[in-house]
Protein backbone atom coordinates (compact mmCIF):
# COMPACT_ATOMS: atom_id res chain seq x y z
CA MET A 1 0.07 0.38 0.30
CA LEU A 2 0.84 3.30 -0.72
CA ASN A 3 1.78 5.65 2.31
CA PRO A 4 0.85 9.41 2.57
CA ASP A 5 4.07 10.92 0.96
CA GLN A 6 4.05 8.72 -1.52
CA TRP A 7 0.31 9.42 -2.19
CA LYS A 8 1.47 12.93 -2.61
CA THR A 9 4.07 12.32 -5.42
CA ILE A 10 1.52 10.67 -7.58
CA LYS A 11 -0.66 13.84 -7.02
CA GLY A 12 1.99 15.50 -7.96
CA LEU A 13 3.21 13.38 -11.36
CA ILE A 14 -0.59 13.45 -12.37
CA THR A 15 -0.74 16.84 -12.24
CA TRP A 16 2.72 16.85 -14.41
CA LEU A 17 0.82 15.62 -17.14
CA ASP A 18 -2.18 17.69 -16.56
CA THR A 19 -0.34 20.35 -17.01
CA ASN A 20 1.97 19.26 -20.38
CA ASN A 21 -0.90 16.54 -21.71
CA GLY A 22 -4.14 17.46 -20.25
CA ARG A 23 -7.42 16.02 -18.82
CA SER A 24 -9.00 14.67 -21.96
CA ASP A 25 -11.01 11.66 -22.24
CA ASP A 26 -8.47 10.27 -25.08
CA GLU A 27 -5.32 11.58 -22.34
CA VAL A 28 -7.01 9.01 -19.26
CA GLY A 29 -7.31 6.70 -21.64
CA LEU A 30 -3.65 6.44 -22.31
CA ARG A 31 -2.77 7.48 -19.22
CA ILE A 32 -4.91 3.60 -18.92
CA LEU A 33 -3.07 2.12 -21.44
CA LYS A 34 0.35 2.82 -20.47
CA LEU A 35 -0.04 -0.21 -18.31
CA THR A 36 0.15 -2.44 -20.90
CA GLU A 37 3.06 -1.20 -21.66
CA GLU A 38 4.73 -1.68 -18.40
CA THR A 39 3.12 -4.57 -18.06
CA GLY A 40 4.75 -5.84 -21.01
CA GLU A 41 7.98 -4.27 -19.92
CA VAL A 42 7.66 -6.67 -17.15
CA ALA A 43 7.21 -10.21 -19.28
CA GLN A 44 9.71 -9.38 -21.33
CA ALA A 45 12.38 -8.49 -18.61
CA TRP A 46 11.11 -12.17 -17.07
CA ILE A 47 11.48 -13.06 -20.13
CA GLY A 48 15.05 -12.83 -20.95
CA PHE A 49 16.11 -13.92 -17.70
CA ARG A 50 14.77 -17.19 -17.88
CA GLY A 51 16.27 -17.14 -21.38
CA GLN A 52 13.07 -18.62 -22.55
CA ASN A 53 14.02 -17.01 -26.25
CA PRO A 54 15.80 -19.36 -27.77
CA ARG A 55 17.01 -15.86 -30.85
CA LYS A 56 17.94 -14.01 -27.71
CA ARG A 57 19.88 -16.92 -24.91
CA THR A 58 19.53 -15.24 -21.46
CA THR A 59 19.32 -11.21 -21.59
CA HIS A 60 19.27 -10.25 -18.02
CA THR A 61 20.65 -11.67 -15.00
CA ARG A 62 21.59 -11.88 -11.32
CA PRO A 63 20.85 -9.46 -9.12
CA LEU A 64 17.11 -10.77 -10.52
CA PRO A 65 15.59 -7.53 -8.41
CA ALA A 66 17.72 -4.99 -11.57
CA ASP A 67 15.48 -6.03 -14.00
CA VAL A 68 12.41 -7.20 -12.73
CA ALA A 69 11.91 -5.75 -9.49
CA ASP A 70 12.24 -2.62 -11.38
CA GLU A 71 9.60 -2.75 -14.15
CA LEU A 72 7.43 -4.60 -11.28
CA CYS A 73 7.89 -1.06 -9.91
CA ASP A 74 6.77 0.90 -12.87
CA VAL A 75 3.94 -1.34 -13.31
CA ILE A 76 3.00 0.12 -9.59
CA ILE A 77 3.32 3.72 -10.17
CA THR A 78 1.47 3.28 -13.84
CA ALA A 79 -1.20 2.65 -11.75
CA ALA A 80 -1.47 4.67 -8.68
CA VAL A 81 -1.01 7.32 -12.28
CA ALA A 82 -3.77 6.11 -14.21
CA LEU A 83 -6.30 5.33 -11.05
CA GLY A 84 -5.51 8.39 -9.59
CA SER A 85 -6.68 10.26 -13.41
CA VAL A 86 -10.49 8.68 -13.07
CA VAL A 87 -11.07 9.07 -9.23
CA ASP A 88 -10.64 11.75 -6.67
CA ASN A 89 -9.98 9.35 -3.45
CA PRO A 90 -7.31 6.39 -4.87
CA ASP A 91 -5.49 5.85 -1.92
CA GLN A 92 -8.82 5.06 -0.68
CA VAL A 93 -10.45 3.47 -3.34
CA LEU A 94 -6.55 1.71 -3.77
CA ALA A 95 -7.46 0.76 0.59
CA ALA A 96 -10.78 -0.83 -0.28
CA LYS A 97 -9.94 -2.83 -2.56
CA LEU A 98 -6.93 -4.04 -0.86
CA ALA A 99 -9.07 -4.84 2.11
CA LYS A 100 -11.84 -7.49 0.08
CA VAL A 101 -8.97 -8.46 -1.41
CA ALA A 102 -7.67 -9.70 2.20
CA ALA A 103 -11.65 -11.08 2.81
CA ARG A 104 -11.12 -13.40 -0.50
CA SER A 105 -8.54 -14.75 0.77
CA GLN A 106 -9.04 -14.66 4.39
CA ALA A 107 -12.07 -16.30 3.18
CA ALA A 108 -10.77 -19.57 0.94
CA VAL A 109 -8.43 -20.51 3.83
């Protein structure tokens, strides 16, 4: 979960994007689509680490966090920016969703 300082940073990024790109429906849609790009970069790092592409072989090496964790952080940041671009209270929305998912996982035990 992001802490208040991190949400402040996310809100600053949203303000920066709004100032430079506006916040039209198209712009917000692009912020959401950016998640696909970032998720693809996580997949690329993992595939490169595992050497799954026979043509390229291993392209990402240990320490693993240097590649995969960095890309996962990009996904989290991008998702938080997208969420903050579509709701006024992203911190509360995320907290509520996390609580639902946690409760669901506990019910499954």
